Amino acid sequence: MILSASDTAIAQAAQALRDGQLVGLPTETVYGLAANATDDAAVAKIFLAKGRPADHPLIVHVAGVEQVPLFASQVPEFAQKLMQAFWPGPLTLILPRLSGVATASAGGQDSIGLRCPSHPVAQAILQEGLALGVLGVSAPSANRFGRVSPTTAAHVQSELGPELLILDGGECAVGIESTIVDCTRGEPVLLRPGQITRGQIDAACGRTVLDKDALTQAAPRASGTLESHYAPRAKVRLMSGDDIAHKLQALGPHANNLGVWSAERPDDGAGVLWRMQAASAEQAAHDLFSVLRDLDARGVTQIWVQLPPDTPEWEGVRDRLQRAAA
């Protein structure tokens, strides 16, 4: 059931987490499917509900930096600087895990992903949970594994059913998942791009963020880094704006059951559903998953997407599109 985020509903959600149940909760990035991070039996319910492999780790959401020592055995200085700069916010840090803690959430690894969300409803639930002994919540995106992430409460319910307790915090402001930085290998390593860019990370921690294949030591597994992910039912194809126009012209009246997300409206036929791609990376990220879901719901068989510029601010959007099309 979907509840408005009143004080009563927040208390109900925190108690449900304490009791080992699952809760759909809003964050500034996407909606998450939450469980008590230190209750391995509750966390197992996340994997079952999503159809997610048990060795694919989850991100643990905490109320603030004070909870980090409850999950991480050490925090490098550059990671501390990143927390100071971007928490609460859409940044996940992979840190060495405290032995015996959040084993199921870590997917069997000796590292743990931690994030402090800025959404007021998520923060309220985390604070209320702390008072009940819930030290943090594991909360991957509230959708079936590999599918399009949800950015509204209605999206969550359509994915996971009416029985799940979902708190409605409105439409997610960011719209794509958090930036993930690995802090376990001596240098900051970007595992997943997001709203927070490489340049911002560099400036905040005083080091150059590396690509995940830049070091010989293998990167830990992390959420949302599989080659194929965030995929609608329709086939996603990425191309330039000119290619979209030329292919539509070639199809002519035979362009049916086709969705297009591009910066300029093409000369389309009755069988083409067009959605405008925003000129700013921030707005396009906000719109991305909603557009894919909307076109999917309207029964298109293909979604043609104009691939945005290859510039730092667009890296998160390009990453999600490339995985959706893989």
Foldseek 3Di string as FASTA:
>chain_A
DEDALDPVLLLVQLVCQLVLAWEWEAFLAFIWTKHQLQDLVSVVVVCVLQVHDQLFAFAWEALAPVLVVVWAVDADQLNVLVRVVAPQHQEKEKHQTDPPGSCSNNSNDRIHIYHYTDQPSLNSSNVSNVVVVRRTIGIDFLAHWQAAGHQFQVVNCVGRHDVHHYHTSDGRQQQHHGFYWYPYPPATETQADGQQWQVNSCVRRVHRHHYQPPDPDHDRRHPPRDLAGRAFQAAEDEDAPVVVQVVQVVCPPVQALEEEEEQDDHPHDPRYHYDHQDPFLRVNSSCPSVSSVVSSVVRRRYYYYYQDDPDGSNRNVNSSSSNRND
